């Protein structure tokens, strides 16, 4: 029983981290428009 509870907490923490990353990405690109997408694709390719 204890193992299932700890696993549930781990999964909840992982999900919370994922949502935080999504929120940061949304905030970063909130002002972007479709015309900015080419620049964003180029930026991703150079990484």
PDB file of N, CA and C in Angstrom:
ATOM      1  N   UNK A   1       0.831  -1.203   0.000  1.00  0.00           N
ATOM      2  CA  UNK A   1       0.000   0.000   0.000  1.00  0.00           C
ATOM      3  C   UNK A   1       0.867   1.255   0.000  1.00  0.00           C
ATOM      4  N   UNK A   2       1.931   1.253   0.789  1.00  0.00           N
ATOM      5  CA  UNK A   2       2.816   2.412   0.880  1.00  0.00           C
ATOM      6  C   UNK A   2       3.457   2.730  -0.469  1.00  0.00           C
ATOM      7  N   UNK A   3       3.806   1.704  -1.228  1.00  0.00           N
ATOM      8  CA  UNK A   3       4.454   1.888  -2.523  1.00  0.00           C
ATOM      9  C   UNK A   3       3.515   2.629  -3.481  1.00  0.00           C
ATOM     10  N   UNK A   4       2.245   2.270  -3.481  1.00  0.00           N
ATOM     11  CA  UNK A   4       1.295   2.905  -4.375  1.00  0.00           C
ATOM     12  C   UNK A   4       1.109   4.386  -4.043  1.00  0.00           C
ATOM     13  N   UNK A   5       1.112   4.704  -2.765  1.00  0.00           N
ATOM     14  CA  UNK A   5       0.945   6.100  -2.347  1.00  0.00           C
ATOM     15  C   UNK A   5       2.154   6.924  -2.779  1.00  0.00           C
ATOM     16  N   UNK A   6       3.371   6.391  -2.577  1.00  0.00           N
ATOM     17  CA  UNK A   6       4.569   7.134  -2.979  1.00  0.00           C
ATOM     18  C   UNK A   6       4.626   7.289  -4.485  1.00  0.00           C
ATOM     19  N   UNK A   7       4.235   6.267  -5.214  1.00  0.00           N
ATOM     20  CA  UNK A   7       4.220   6.343  -6.680  1.00  0.00           C
ATOM     21  C   UNK A   7       3.220   7.401  -7.147  1.00  0.00           C
ATOM     22  N   UNK A   8       2.084   7.474  -6.493  1.00  0.00           N
ATOM     23  CA  UNK A   8       1.085   8.483  -6.844  1.00  0.00           C
ATOM     24  C   UNK A   8       1.629   9.894  -6.606  1.00  0.00           C
ATOM     25  N   UNK A   9       2.349  10.078  -5.497  1.00  0.00           N
ATOM     26  CA  UNK A   9       2.940  11.390  -5.218  1.00  0.00           C
ATOM     27  C   UNK A   9       4.008  11.738  -6.247  1.00  0.00           C
ATOM     28  N   UNK A  10       4.810  10.758  -6.654  1.00  0.00           N
ATOM     29  CA  UNK A  10       5.831  10.996  -7.672  1.00  0.00           C
ATOM     30  C   UNK A  10       5.185  11.408  -8.984  1.00  0.00           C
ATOM     31  N   UNK A  11       4.151  10.694  -9.380  1.00  0.00           N
ATOM     32  CA  UNK A  11       3.469  11.011 -10.632  1.00  0.00           C
ATOM     33  C   UNK A  11       2.832  12.396 -10.570  1.00  0.00           C
ATOM     34  N   UNK A  12       2.296  12.748  -9.428  1.00  0.00           N
ATOM     35  CA  UNK A  12       1.688  14.069  -9.258  1.00  0.00           C
ATOM     36  C   UNK A  12       2.750  15.158  -9.371  1.00  0.00           C
ATOM     37  N   UNK A  13       3.921  14.920  -8.787  1.00  0.00           N
ATOM     38  CA  UNK A  13       5.013  15.894  -8.860  1.00  0.00           C
ATOM     39  C   UNK A  13       5.515  16.050 -10.294  1.00  0.00           C
ATOM     40  N   UNK A  14       5.626  14.943 -11.009  1.00  0.00           N
ATOM     41  CA  UNK A  14       6.065  14.988 -12.404  1.00  0.00           C
ATOM     42  C   UNK A  14       5.058  15.756 -13.254  1.00  0.00           C
ATOM     43  N   UNK A  15       3.783  15.513 -13.031  1.00  0.00           N
ATOM     44  CA  UNK A  15       2.737  16.223 -13.773  1.00  0.00           C
ATOM     45  C   UNK A  15       2.781  17.717 -13.467  1.00  0.00           C
ATOM     46  N   UNK A  16       2.999  18.069 -12.219  1.00  0.00           N
ATOM     47  CA  UNK A  16       3.068  19.483 -11.840  1.00  0.00           C
ATOM     48  C   UNK A  16       4.251  20.165 -12.523  1.00  0.00           C
ATOM     49  N   UNK A  17       5.392  19.479 -12.596  1.00  0.00           N
ATOM     50  CA  UNK A  17       6.557  20.039 -13.279  1.00  0.00           C
ATOM     51  C   UNK A  17       6.281  20.231 -14.762  1.00  0.00           C
ATOM     52  N   UNK A  18       5.596  19.284 -15.367  1.00  0.00           N
ATOM     53  CA  UNK A  18       5.268  19.391 -16.792  1.00  0.00           C
ATOM     54  C   UNK A  18       4.354  20.583 -17.053  1.00  0.00           C
ATOM     55  N   UNK A  19       3.362  20.778 -16.197  1.00  0.00           N
ATOM     56  CA  UNK A  19       2.455  21.928 -16.360  1.00  0.00           C
ATOM     57  C   UNK A  19       3.202  23.244 -16.178  1.00  0.00           C
ATOM     58  N   UNK A  20       4.165  23.268 -15.253  1.00  0.00           N
ATOM     59  CA  UNK A  20       4.960  24.482 -15.047  1.00  0.00           C
ATOM     60  C   UNK A  20       5.761  24.811 -16.301  1.00  0.00           C
ATOM     61  N   UNK A  21       6.349  23.786 -16.926  1.00  0.00           N
ATOM     62  CA  UNK A  21       7.111  23.999 -18.154  1.00  0.00           C
ATOM     63  C   UNK A  21       6.209  24.526 -19.261  1.00  0.00           C
ATOM     64  N   UNK A  22       5.015  23.965 -19.363  1.00  0.00           N
ATOM     65  CA  UNK A  22       4.068  24.440 -20.373  1.00  0.00           C
ATOM     66  C   UNK A  22       3.683  25.888 -20.129  1.00  0.00           C
ATOM     67  N   UNK A  23       3.430  26.222 -18.877  1.00  0.00           N
ATOM     68  CA  UNK A  23       3.061  27.603 -18.537  1.00  0.00           C
ATOM     69  C   UNK A  23       4.183  28.579 -18.876  1.00  0.00           C
ATOM     70  N   UNK A  24       5.448  28.172 -18.601  1.00  0.00           N
ATOM     71  CA  UNK A  24       6.585  29.037 -18.929  1.00  0.00           C
ATOM     72  C   UNK A  24       6.705  29.231 -20.438  1.00  0.00           C
ATOM     73  N   UNK A  25       6.510  28.163 -21.194  1.00  0.00           N
ATOM     74  CA  UNK A  25       6.594  28.254 -22.653  1.00  0.00           C
ATOM     75  C   UNK A  25       5.477  29.134 -23.206  1.00  0.00           C
ATOM     76  N   UNK A  26       4.281  28.988 -22.665  1.00  0.00           N
ATOM     77  CA  UNK A  26       3.160  29.828 -23.103  1.00  0.00           C
ATOM     78  C   UNK A  26       3.444  31.298 -22.832  1.00  0.00           C
ATOM     79  N   UNK A  27       3.991  31.588 -21.660  1.00  0.00           N
ATOM     80  CA  UNK A  27       4.307  32.973 -21.312  1.00  0.00           C
ATOM     81  C   UNK A  27       5.410  33.522 -22.219  1.00  0.00           C
ATOM     82  N   UNK A  28       6.388  32.684 -22.535  1.00  0.00           N
ATOM     83  CA  UNK A  28       7.505  33.110 -23.373  1.00  0.00           C
ATOM     84  C   UNK A  28       7.034  33.473 -24.779  1.00  0.00           C
ATOM     85  N   UNK A  29       6.105  32.681 -25.327  1.00  0.00           N
ATOM     86  CA  UNK A  29       5.675  32.888 -26.705  1.00  0.00           C
ATOM     87  C   UNK A  29       4.281  33.510 -26.814  1.00  0.00           C
ATOM     88  N   UNK A  30       3.792  34.110 -25.748  1.00  0.00           N
ATOM     89  CA  UNK A  30       2.438  34.664 -25.738  1.00  0.00           C
ATOM     90  C   UNK A  30       2.252  35.765 -26.772  1.00  0.00           C
ATOM     91  N   UNK A  31       3.269  36.555 -26.999  1.00  0.00           N
ATOM     92  CA  UNK A  31       3.172  37.675 -27.933  1.00  0.00           C
ATOM     93  C   UNK A  31       3.507  37.279 -29.369  1.00  0.00           C
ATOM     94  N   UNK A  32       3.902  36.030 -29.591  1.00  0.00           N
ATOM     95  CA  UNK A  32       4.296  35.583 -30.926  1.00  0.00           C
ATOM     96  C   UNK A  32       3.086  35.449 -31.840  1.00  0.00           C
ATOM     97  N   UNK A  33       3.321  35.689 -33.114  1.00  0.00           N
ATOM     98  CA  UNK A  33       2.278  35.520 -34.113  1.00  0.00           C
ATOM     99  C   UNK A  33       2.692  34.423 -35.083  1.00  0.00           C
ATOM    100  N   UNK A  34       1.824  34.106 -36.009  1.00  0.00           N
ATOM    101  CA  UNK A  34       2.129  33.065 -36.981  1.00  0.00           C
ATOM    102  C   UNK A  34       3.368  33.418 -37.800  1.00  0.00           C
ATOM    103  N   UNK A  35       3.536  34.693 -38.115  1.00  0.00           N
ATOM    104  CA  UNK A  35       4.695  35.108 -38.909  1.00  0.00           C
ATOM    105  C   UNK A  35       6.006  34.888 -38.158  1.00  0.00           C
ATOM    106  N   UNK A  36       5.935  34.812 -36.837  1.00  0.00           N
ATOM    107  CA  UNK A  36       7.125  34.545 -36.031  1.00  0.00           C
ATOM    108  C   UNK A  36       7.515  33.069 -36.066  1.00  0.00           C
ATOM    109  N   UNK A  37       6.629  32.213 -36.568  1.00  0.00           N
ATOM    110  CA  UNK A  37       6.873  30.773 -36.489  1.00  0.00           C
ATOM    111  C   UNK A  37       8.109  30.351 -37.271  1.00  0.00           C
ATOM    112  N   UNK A  38       8.400  31.009 -38.398  1.00  0.00           N
ATOM    113  CA  UNK A  38       9.586  30.658 -39.176  1.00  0.00           C
ATOM    114  C   UNK A  38      10.841  30.938 -38.361  1.00  0.00           C
ATOM    115  N   UNK A  39      10.861  32.072 -37.700  1.00  0.00           N
ATOM    116  CA  UNK A  39      12.010  32.411 -36.860  1.00  0.00           C
ATOM    117  C   UNK A  39      12.150  31.418 -35.712  1.00  0.00           C
ATOM    118  N   UNK A  40      11.037  31.003 -35.135  1.00  0.00           N
ATOM    119  CA  UNK A  40      11.094  30.034 -34.041  1.00  0.00           C
ATOM    120  C   UNK A  40      11.600  28.684 -34.527  1.00  0.00           C
ATOM    121  N   UNK A  41      11.183  28.259 -35.718  1.00  0.00           N
ATOM    122  CA  UNK A  41      11.664  27.002 -36.282  1.00  0.00           C
ATOM    123  C   UNK A  41      13.165  27.062 -36.539  1.00  0.00           C
ATOM    124  N   UNK A  42      13.633  28.173 -37.070  1.00  0.00           N
ATOM    125  CA  UNK A  42      15.076  28.322 -37.307  1.00  0.00           C
ATOM    126  C   UNK A  42      15.837  28.275 -35.989  1.00  0.00           C
ATOM    127  N   UNK A  43      15.292  28.927 -34.974  1.00  0.00           N
ATOM    128  CA  UNK A  43      15.944  28.929 -33.664  1.00  0.00           C
ATOM    129  C   UNK A  43      16.042  27.511 -33.108  1.00  0.00           C
ATOM    130  N   UNK A  44      14.967  26.719 -33.264  1.00  0.00           N
ATOM    131  CA  UNK A  44      14.978  25.343 -32.784  1.00  0.00           C
ATOM    132  C   UNK A  44      15.982  24.495 -33.537  1.00  0.00           C
ATOM    133  N   UNK A  45      16.127  24.726 -34.837  1.00  0.00           N
ATOM    134  CA  UNK A  45      17.071  23.937 -35.640  1.00  0.00           C
ATOM    135  C   UNK A  45      18.501  24.205 -35.248  1.00  0.00           C
ATOM    136  N   UNK A  46      18.795  25.437 -34.831  1.00  0.00           N
ATOM    137  CA  UNK A  46      20.178  25.780 -34.487  1.00  0.00           C
ATOM    138  C   UNK A  46      20.587  25.246 -33.131  1.00  0.00           C
ATOM    139  N   UNK A  47      19.657  24.795 -32.331  1.00  0.00           N
ATOM    140  CA  UNK A  47      20.005  24.257 -31.006  1.00  0.00           C
ATOM    141  C   UNK A  47      20.532  22.870 -31.093  1.00  0.00           C
TER     142      UNK A  47
END
